[in-house]
Amino acid sequence: MERESFDSSVIASAGYDPALRTLEVQFVSGEVYRYFLVPARVWRDLRSAESAGAYFNAEVRDHYPEEWMPGAATR
Protein backbone atom coordinates (compact mmCIF):
# COMPACT_ATOMS: atom_id res chain seq x y z
CA MET A 1 0.00 0.00 0.00
CA GLU A 2 1.30 3.43 -0.88
CA ARG A 3 1.75 5.66 2.17
CA GLU A 4 2.14 9.42 2.43
CA SER A 5 4.42 11.18 4.89
CA PHE A 6 2.94 12.85 7.95
CA ASP A 7 4.26 15.84 9.86
CA SER A 8 3.78 14.14 13.23
CA SER A 9 5.84 13.13 16.23
CA VAL A 10 3.94 9.81 16.31
CA ILE A 11 3.05 8.86 12.72
CA ALA A 12 5.78 8.75 10.06
CA SER A 13 3.48 7.80 7.19
CA ALA A 14 0.06 6.34 6.48
CA GLY A 15 -2.02 5.11 3.58
CA TYR A 16 -5.56 3.98 2.95
CA ASP A 17 -7.17 1.45 0.61
CA PRO A 18 -10.82 2.44 0.16
CA ALA A 19 -11.76 -0.82 -1.57
CA LEU A 20 -10.57 -2.84 1.44
CA ARG A 21 -11.30 -0.12 4.02
CA THR A 22 -7.78 -0.67 5.34
CA LEU A 23 -5.58 1.95 6.98
CA GLU A 24 -1.84 1.30 7.16
CA VAL A 25 0.22 3.34 9.61
CA GLN A 26 3.98 3.49 10.03
CA PHE A 27 4.94 4.97 13.36
CA VAL A 28 8.14 6.96 13.94
CA SER A 29 9.44 3.88 15.79
CA GLY A 30 9.38 2.05 12.44
CA GLU A 31 6.54 -0.29 13.44
CA VAL A 32 3.79 -0.72 10.83
CA TYR A 33 0.21 -1.72 11.60
CA ARG A 34 -2.84 -2.25 9.43
CA TYR A 35 -6.30 -1.36 10.71
CA PHE A 36 -9.34 -2.99 9.10
CA LEU A 37 -12.96 -1.87 8.53
CA VAL A 38 -11.89 1.79 8.75
CA PRO A 39 -14.38 4.22 7.15
CA ALA A 40 -13.01 6.64 4.52
CA ARG A 41 -14.07 9.53 6.78
CA VAL A 42 -11.49 8.42 9.39
CA TRP A 43 -8.74 8.55 6.76
CA ARG A 44 -9.83 12.02 5.64
CA ASP A 45 -10.01 13.24 9.24
CA LEU A 46 -6.60 11.75 10.11
CA ARG A 47 -4.99 13.53 7.15
CA SER A 48 -6.49 16.88 8.12
CA ALA A 49 -6.18 16.61 11.91
CA GLU A 50 -4.27 19.32 13.72
CA SER A 51 -2.52 16.50 15.61
CA ALA A 52 -2.46 13.22 13.69
CA GLY A 53 -1.13 11.39 16.76
CA ALA A 54 -3.91 12.65 19.02
CA TYR A 55 -6.56 11.87 16.40
CA PHE A 56 -5.12 8.38 15.89
CA ASN A 57 -5.13 7.67 19.63
CA ALA A 58 -8.70 8.91 20.07
CA GLU A 59 -10.32 7.53 16.90
CA VAL A 60 -8.30 4.60 15.55
CA ARG A 61 -6.26 2.82 18.22
CA ASP A 62 -8.38 0.18 19.98
CA HIS A 63 -11.38 0.95 17.70
CA TYR A 64 -10.61 -1.29 14.71
CA PRO A 65 -9.15 -4.76 14.21
CA GLU A 66 -5.41 -4.46 13.71
CA GLU A 67 -2.49 -6.47 12.39
CA TRP A 68 1.20 -5.87 13.05
CA MET A 69 3.18 -5.91 9.80
CA PRO A 70 6.75 -6.93 10.72
CA GLY A 71 9.21 -5.89 8.05
CA ALA A 72 6.73 -3.59 6.29
CA ALA A 73 8.69 -0.44 7.15
CA THR A 74 11.33 -1.33 4.59
CA ARG A 75 8.85 -1.47 1.70
PDB file of N, CA and C in Angstrom:
ATOM      1  N   MET A   1       0.854  -1.180   0.000  1.00  0.00           N
ATOM      2  CA  MET A   1       0.000   0.000   0.000  1.00  0.00           C
ATOM      3  C   MET A   1       0.891   1.232   0.000  1.00  0.00           C
ATOM      4  N   GLU A   2       0.549   2.189  -0.831  1.00  0.00           N
ATOM      5  CA  GLU A   2       1.303   3.432  -0.877  1.00  0.00           C
ATOM      6  C   GLU A   2       0.933   4.299   0.318  1.00  0.00           C
ATOM      7  N   ARG A   3       1.971   4.809   0.996  1.00  0.00           N
ATOM      8  CA  ARG A   3       1.748   5.663   2.166  1.00  0.00           C
ATOM      9  C   ARG A   3       2.261   7.067   1.870  1.00  0.00           C
ATOM     10  N   GLU A   4       1.661   8.043   2.536  1.00  0.00           N
ATOM     11  CA  GLU A   4       2.143   9.416   2.429  1.00  0.00           C
ATOM     12  C   GLU A   4       2.743   9.838   3.761  1.00  0.00           C
ATOM     13  N   SER A   5       3.747  10.701   3.687  1.00  0.00           N
ATOM     14  CA  SER A   5       4.423  11.179   4.889  1.00  0.00           C
ATOM     15  C   SER A   5       3.506  12.072   5.707  1.00  0.00           C
ATOM     16  N   PHE A   6       3.684  12.007   7.019  1.00  0.00           N
ATOM     17  CA  PHE A   6       2.935  12.850   7.952  1.00  0.00           C
ATOM     18  C   PHE A   6       3.911  13.722   8.714  1.00  0.00           C
ATOM     19  N   ASP A   7       3.491  14.939   9.012  1.00  0.00           N
ATOM     20  CA  ASP A   7       4.262  15.841   9.862  1.00  0.00           C
ATOM     21  C   ASP A   7       3.762  15.623  11.287  1.00  0.00           C
ATOM     22  N   SER A   8       4.285  14.576  11.926  1.00  0.00           N
ATOM     23  CA  SER A   8       3.775  14.143  13.231  1.00  0.00           C
ATOM     24  C   SER A   8       4.912  13.572  14.049  1.00  0.00           C
ATOM     25  N   SER A   9       4.833  13.729  15.347  1.00  0.00           N
ATOM     26  CA  SER A   9       5.843  13.128  16.229  1.00  0.00           C
ATOM     27  C   SER A   9       5.525  11.669  16.520  1.00  0.00           C
ATOM     28  N   VAL A  10       4.373  11.183  16.058  1.00  0.00           N
ATOM     29  CA  VAL A  10       3.937   9.810  16.308  1.00  0.00           C
ATOM     30  C   VAL A  10       3.868   8.991  15.015  1.00  0.00           C
ATOM     31  N   ILE A  11       3.300   9.570  13.967  1.00  0.00           N
ATOM     32  CA  ILE A  11       3.054   8.865  12.718  1.00  0.00           C
ATOM     33  C   ILE A  11       4.038   9.346  11.654  1.00  0.00           C
ATOM     34  N   ALA A  12       4.830   8.416  11.117  1.00  0.00           N
ATOM     35  CA  ALA A  12       5.779   8.751  10.056  1.00  0.00           C
ATOM     36  C   ALA A  12       5.077   8.815   8.706  1.00  0.00           C
ATOM     37  N   SER A  13       4.215   7.832   8.448  1.00  0.00           N
ATOM     38  CA  SER A  13       3.483   7.796   7.185  1.00  0.00           C
ATOM     39  C   SER A  13       2.226   6.952   7.367  1.00  0.00           C
ATOM     40  N   ALA A  14       1.293   7.127   6.438  1.00  0.00           N
ATOM     41  CA  ALA A  14       0.058   6.344   6.476  1.00  0.00           C
ATOM     42  C   ALA A  14      -0.540   6.307   5.088  1.00  0.00           C
ATOM     43  N   GLY A  15      -1.331   5.263   4.844  1.00  0.00           N
ATOM     44  CA  GLY A  15      -2.023   5.112   3.577  1.00  0.00           C
ATOM     45  C   GLY A  15      -3.356   4.435   3.811  1.00  0.00           C
ATOM     46  N   TYR A  16      -4.214   4.526   2.808  1.00  0.00           N
ATOM     47  CA  TYR A  16      -5.560   3.982   2.949  1.00  0.00           C
ATOM     48  C   TYR A  16      -5.983   3.326   1.647  1.00  0.00           C
ATOM     49  N   ASP A  17      -6.596   2.149   1.758  1.00  0.00           N
ATOM     50  CA  ASP A  17      -7.172   1.448   0.608  1.00  0.00           C
ATOM     51  C   ASP A  17      -8.688   1.475   0.768  1.00  0.00           C
ATOM     52  N   PRO A  18      -9.372   2.323  -0.013  1.00  0.00           N
ATOM     53  CA  PRO A  18     -10.825   2.443   0.163  1.00  0.00           C
ATOM     54  C   PRO A  18     -11.583   1.176  -0.218  1.00  0.00           C
ATOM     55  N   ALA A  19     -11.069   0.403  -1.170  1.00  0.00           N
ATOM     56  CA  ALA A  19     -11.759  -0.824  -1.572  1.00  0.00           C
ATOM     57  C   ALA A  19     -11.774  -1.850  -0.442  1.00  0.00           C
ATOM     58  N   LEU A  20     -10.676  -1.892   0.319  1.00  0.00           N
ATOM     59  CA  LEU A  20     -10.565  -2.841   1.436  1.00  0.00           C
ATOM     60  C   LEU A  20     -10.867  -2.202   2.785  1.00  0.00           C
ATOM     61  N   ARG A  21     -11.071  -0.871   2.773  1.00  0.00           N
ATOM     62  CA  ARG A  21     -11.300  -0.118   4.025  1.00  0.00           C
ATOM     63  C   ARG A  21     -10.191  -0.407   5.037  1.00  0.00           C
ATOM     64  N   THR A  22      -8.951  -0.353   4.535  1.00  0.00           N
ATOM     65  CA  THR A  22      -7.780  -0.673   5.344  1.00  0.00           C
ATOM     66  C   THR A  22      -6.876   0.541   5.457  1.00  0.00           C
ATOM     67  N   LEU A  23      -6.496   0.860   6.670  1.00  0.00           N
ATOM     68  CA  LEU A  23      -5.579   1.949   6.977  1.00  0.00           C
ATOM     69  C   LEU A  23      -4.251   1.339   7.399  1.00  0.00           C
ATOM     70  N   GLU A  24      -3.166   1.782   6.783  1.00  0.00           N
ATOM     71  CA  GLU A  24      -1.842   1.298   7.156  1.00  0.00           C
ATOM     72  C   GLU A  24      -1.055   2.470   7.728  1.00  0.00           C
ATOM     73  N   VAL A  25      -0.487   2.270   8.907  1.00  0.00           N
ATOM     74  CA  VAL A  25       0.215   3.342   9.610  1.00  0.00           C
ATOM     75  C   VAL A  25       1.624   2.889   9.957  1.00  0.00           C
ATOM     76  N   GLN A  26       2.608   3.707   9.578  1.00  0.00           N
ATOM     77  CA  GLN A  26       3.979   3.492  10.031  1.00  0.00           C
ATOM     78  C   GLN A  26       4.269   4.544  11.086  1.00  0.00           C
ATOM     79  N   PHE A  27       4.635   4.082  12.255  1.00  0.00           N
ATOM     80  CA  PHE A  27       4.945   4.973  13.357  1.00  0.00           C
ATOM     81  C   PHE A  27       6.408   5.409  13.278  1.00  0.00           C
ATOM     82  N   VAL A  28       6.759   6.473  13.968  1.00  0.00           N
ATOM     83  CA  VAL A  28       8.141   6.955  13.942  1.00  0.00           C
ATOM     84  C   VAL A  28       9.108   5.911  14.496  1.00  0.00           C
ATOM     85  N   SER A  29       8.616   4.976  15.274  1.00  0.00           N
ATOM     86  CA  SER A  29       9.443   3.877  15.789  1.00  0.00           C
ATOM     87  C   SER A  29       9.834   2.894  14.693  1.00  0.00           C
ATOM     88  N   GLY A  30       9.146   2.973  13.540  1.00  0.00           N
ATOM     89  CA  GLY A  30       9.382   2.046  12.443  1.00  0.00           C
ATOM     90  C   GLY A  30       8.347   0.936  12.365  1.00  0.00           C
ATOM     91  N   GLU A  31       7.585   0.743  13.420  1.00  0.00           N
ATOM     92  CA  GLU A  31       6.544  -0.286  13.436  1.00  0.00           C
ATOM     93  C   GLU A  31       5.430   0.076  12.459  1.00  0.00           C
ATOM     94  N   VAL A  32       4.891  -0.931  11.775  1.00  0.00           N
ATOM     95  CA  VAL A  32       3.793  -0.723  10.834  1.00  0.00           C
ATOM     96  C   VAL A  32       2.625  -1.606  11.249  1.00  0.00           C
ATOM     97  N   TYR A  33       1.445  -1.003  11.275  1.00  0.00           N
ATOM     98  CA  TYR A  33       0.214  -1.721  11.600  1.00  0.00           C
ATOM     99  C   TYR A  33      -0.822  -1.444  10.529  1.00  0.00           C
ATOM    100  N   ARG A  34      -1.668  -2.430  10.284  1.00  0.00           N
ATOM    101  CA  ARG A  34      -2.844  -2.252   9.429  1.00  0.00           C
ATOM    102  C   ARG A  34      -4.085  -2.311  10.305  1.00  0.00           C
ATOM    103  N   TYR A  35      -5.024  -1.439  10.001  1.00  0.00           N
ATOM    104  CA  TYR A  35      -6.300  -1.365  10.708  1.00  0.00           C
ATOM    105  C   TYR A  35      -7.399  -1.626   9.693  1.00  0.00           C
ATOM    106  N   PHE A  36      -8.317  -2.517  10.028  1.00  0.00           N
ATOM    107  CA  PHE A  36      -9.336  -2.990   9.103  1.00  0.00           C
ATOM    108  C   PHE A  36     -10.710  -2.410   9.437  1.00  0.00           C
ATOM    109  N   LEU A  37     -11.581  -2.359   8.410  1.00  0.00           N
ATOM    110  CA  LEU A  37     -12.956  -1.869   8.534  1.00  0.00           C
ATOM    111  C   LEU A  37     -13.001  -0.384   8.891  1.00  0.00           C
ATOM    112  N   VAL A  38     -12.005   0.358   8.440  1.00  0.00           N
ATOM    113  CA  VAL A  38     -11.893   1.787   8.748  1.00  0.00           C
ATOM    114  C   VAL A  38     -12.670   2.587   7.695  1.00  0.00           C
ATOM    115  N   PRO A  39     -13.630   3.398   8.110  1.00  0.00           N
ATOM    116  CA  PRO A  39     -14.376   4.223   7.154  1.00  0.00           C
ATOM    117  C   PRO A  39     -13.469   5.272   6.489  1.00  0.00           C
ATOM    118  N   ALA A  40     -13.786   5.628   5.258  1.00  0.00           N
ATOM    119  CA  ALA A  40     -13.012   6.642   4.524  1.00  0.00           C
ATOM    120  C   ALA A  40     -12.970   7.966   5.284  1.00  0.00           C
ATOM    121  N   ARG A  41     -14.026   8.280   6.009  1.00  0.00           N
ATOM    122  CA  ARG A  41     -14.074   9.529   6.781  1.00  0.00           C
ATOM    123  C   ARG A  41     -12.944   9.583   7.797  1.00  0.00           C
ATOM    124  N   VAL A  42     -12.580   8.454   8.400  1.00  0.00           N
ATOM    125  CA  VAL A  42     -11.492   8.421   9.394  1.00  0.00           C
ATOM    126  C   VAL A  42     -10.170   8.754   8.715  1.00  0.00           C
ATOM    127  N   TRP A  43      -9.953   8.230   7.517  1.00  0.00           N
ATOM    128  CA  TRP A  43      -8.735   8.550   6.765  1.00  0.00           C
ATOM    129  C   TRP A  43      -8.693  10.046   6.438  1.00  0.00           C
ATOM    130  N   ARG A  44      -9.782  10.587   5.950  1.00  0.00           N
ATOM    131  CA  ARG A  44      -9.831  12.022   5.638  1.00  0.00           C
ATOM    132  C   ARG A  44      -9.555  12.859   6.885  1.00  0.00           C
ATOM    133  N   ASP A  45     -10.182  12.483   7.998  1.00  0.00           N
ATOM    134  CA  ASP A  45     -10.007  13.242   9.237  1.00  0.00           C
ATOM    135  C   ASP A  45      -8.581  13.118   9.781  1.00  0.00           C
ATOM    136  N   LEU A  46      -7.980  11.933   9.658  1.00  0.00           N
ATOM    137  CA  LEU A  46      -6.599  11.748  10.109  1.00  0.00           C
ATOM    138  C   LEU A  46      -5.667  12.651   9.319  1.00  0.00           C
ATOM    139  N   ARG A  47      -5.860  12.710   8.014  1.00  0.00           N
ATOM    140  CA  ARG A  47      -4.995  13.525   7.154  1.00  0.00           C
ATOM    141  C   ARG A  47      -5.125  15.012   7.447  1.00  0.00           C
ATOM    142  N   SER A  48      -6.285  15.453   7.890  1.00  0.00           N
ATOM    143  CA  SER A  48      -6.491  16.881   8.116  1.00  0.00           C
ATOM    144  C   SER A  48      -6.440  17.278   9.595  1.00  0.00           C
ATOM    145  N   ALA A  49      -6.191  16.322  10.464  1.00  0.00           N
ATOM    146  CA  ALA A  49      -6.181  16.609  11.908  1.00  0.00           C
ATOM    147  C   ALA A  49      -5.039  17.551  12.276  1.00  0.00           C
ATOM    148  N   GLU A  50      -5.312  18.424  13.214  1.00  0.00           N
ATOM    149  CA  GLU A  50      -4.270  19.317  13.717  1.00  0.00           C
ATOM    150  C   GLU A  50      -3.138  18.502  14.337  1.00  0.00           C
ATOM    151  N   SER A  51      -3.496  17.432  15.034  1.00  0.00           N
ATOM    152  CA  SER A  51      -2.521  16.502  15.606  1.00  0.00           C
ATOM    153  C   SER A  51      -2.906  15.093  15.166  1.00  0.00           C
ATOM    154  N   ALA A  52      -2.162  14.566  14.199  1.00  0.00           N
ATOM    155  CA  ALA A  52      -2.456  13.221  13.693  1.00  0.00           C
ATOM    156  C   ALA A  52      -2.322  12.178  14.798  1.00  0.00           C
ATOM    157  N   GLY A  53      -1.326  12.337  15.665  1.00  0.00           N
ATOM    158  CA  GLY A  53      -1.133  11.386  16.756  1.00  0.00           C
ATOM    159  C   GLY A  53      -2.293  11.381  17.735  1.00  0.00           C
ATOM    160  N   ALA A  54      -2.778  12.557  18.095  1.00  0.00           N
ATOM    161  CA  ALA A  54      -3.908  12.648  19.018  1.00  0.00           C
ATOM    162  C   ALA A  54      -5.172  12.083  18.375  1.00  0.00           C
ATOM    163  N   TYR A  55      -5.392  12.400  17.094  1.00  0.00           N
ATOM    164  CA  TYR A  55      -6.563  11.866  16.400  1.00  0.00           C
ATOM    165  C   TYR A  55      -6.475  10.342  16.331  1.00  0.00           C
ATOM    166  N   PHE A  56      -5.310   9.824  15.971  1.00  0.00           N
ATOM    167  CA  PHE A  56      -5.120   8.378  15.891  1.00  0.00           C
ATOM    168  C   PHE A  56      -5.441   7.716  17.226  1.00  0.00           C
ATOM    169  N   ASN A  57      -4.899   8.252  18.303  1.00  0.00           N
ATOM    170  CA  ASN A  57      -5.130   7.666  19.629  1.00  0.00           C
ATOM    171  C   ASN A  57      -6.596   7.700  20.034  1.00  0.00           C
ATOM    172  N   ALA A  58      -7.292   8.760  19.667  1.00  0.00           N
ATOM    173  CA  ALA A  58      -8.695   8.907  20.068  1.00  0.00           C
ATOM    174  C   ALA A  58      -9.657   8.143  19.163  1.00  0.00           C
ATOM    175  N   GLU A  59      -9.341   8.031  17.862  1.00  0.00           N
ATOM    176  CA  GLU A  59     -10.323   7.529  16.903  1.00  0.00           C
ATOM    177  C   GLU A  59      -9.963   6.225  16.199  1.00  0.00           C
ATOM    178  N   VAL A  60      -8.704   5.811  16.272  1.00  0.00           N
ATOM    179  CA  VAL A  60      -8.296   4.600  15.547  1.00  0.00           C
ATOM    180  C   VAL A  60      -7.819   3.511  16.508  1.00  0.00           C
ATOM    181  N   ARG A  61      -6.824   3.826  17.310  1.00  0.00           N
ATOM    182  CA  ARG A  61      -6.257   2.823  18.223  1.00  0.00           C
ATOM    183  C   ARG A  61      -7.363   2.240  19.104  1.00  0.00           C
ATOM    184  N   ASP A  62      -7.406   0.928  19.170  1.00  0.00           N
ATOM    185  CA  ASP A  62      -8.379   0.176  19.981  1.00  0.00           C
ATOM    186  C   ASP A  62      -9.818   0.285  19.472  1.00  0.00           C
ATOM    187  N   HIS A  63     -10.026   0.843  18.263  1.00  0.00           N
ATOM    188  CA  HIS A  63     -11.380   0.946  17.704  1.00  0.00           C
ATOM    189  C   HIS A  63     -11.603   0.013  16.515  1.00  0.00           C
ATOM    190  N   TYR A  64     -10.522  -0.456  15.905  1.00  0.00           N
ATOM    191  CA  TYR A  64     -10.615  -1.293  14.709  1.00  0.00           C
ATOM    192  C   TYR A  64      -9.696  -2.498  14.853  1.00  0.00           C
ATOM    193  N   PRO A  65     -10.054  -3.604  14.200  1.00  0.00           N
ATOM    194  CA  PRO A  65      -9.152  -4.764  14.209  1.00  0.00           C
ATOM    195  C   PRO A  65      -7.810  -4.358  13.600  1.00  0.00           C
ATOM    196  N   GLU A  66      -6.736  -4.866  14.169  1.00  0.00           N
ATOM    197  CA  GLU A  66      -5.408  -4.464  13.715  1.00  0.00           C
ATOM    198  C   GLU A  66      -4.523  -5.674  13.474  1.00  0.00           C
ATOM    199  N   GLU A  67      -3.480  -5.435  12.680  1.00  0.00           N
ATOM    200  CA  GLU A  67      -2.490  -6.469  12.391  1.00  0.00           C
ATOM    201  C   GLU A  67      -1.122  -5.810  12.346  1.00  0.00           C
ATOM    202  N   TRP A  68      -0.182  -6.327  13.086  1.00  0.00           N
ATOM    203  CA  TRP A  68       1.200  -5.871  13.046  1.00  0.00           C
ATOM    204  C   TRP A  68       1.840  -6.385  11.776  1.00  0.00           C
ATOM    205  N   MET A  69       2.578  -5.540  11.069  1.00  0.00           N
ATOM    206  CA  MET A  69       3.184  -5.910   9.803  1.00  0.00           C
ATOM    207  C   MET A  69       4.706  -5.899   9.933  1.00  0.00           C
ATOM    208  N   PRO A  70       5.293  -6.931  10.553  1.00  0.00           N
ATOM    209  CA  PRO A  70       6.752  -6.931  10.720  1.00  0.00           C
ATOM    210  C   PRO A  70       7.460  -6.874   9.368  1.00  0.00           C
ATOM    211  N   GLY A  71       8.452  -6.026   9.281  1.00  0.00           N
ATOM    212  CA  GLY A  71       9.215  -5.888   8.046  1.00  0.00           C
ATOM    213  C   GLY A  71       8.601  -4.959   7.032  1.00  0.00           C
ATOM    214  N   ALA A  72       7.413  -4.448   7.264  1.00  0.00           N
ATOM    215  CA  ALA A  72       6.728  -3.595   6.292  1.00  0.00           C
ATOM    216  C   ALA A  72       7.342  -2.201   6.184  1.00  0.00           C
ATOM    217  N   ALA A  73       8.100  -1.785   7.179  1.00  0.00           N
ATOM    218  CA  ALA A  73       8.692  -0.441   7.148  1.00  0.00           C
ATOM    219  C   ALA A  73       9.716  -0.307   6.030  1.00  0.00           C
ATOM    220  N   THR A  74      10.291  -1.395   5.619  1.00  0.00           N
ATOM    221  CA  THR A  74      11.331  -1.332   4.590  1.00  0.00           C
ATOM    222  C   THR A  74      10.768  -1.316   3.184  1.00  0.00           C
ATOM    223  N   ARG A  75       9.445  -1.479   3.037  1.00  0.00           N
ATOM    224  CA  ARG A  75       8.848  -1.470   1.697  1.00  0.00           C
ATOM    225  C   ARG A  75       8.696  -0.085   1.165  1.00  0.00           C
TER     226      ARG A  75
END
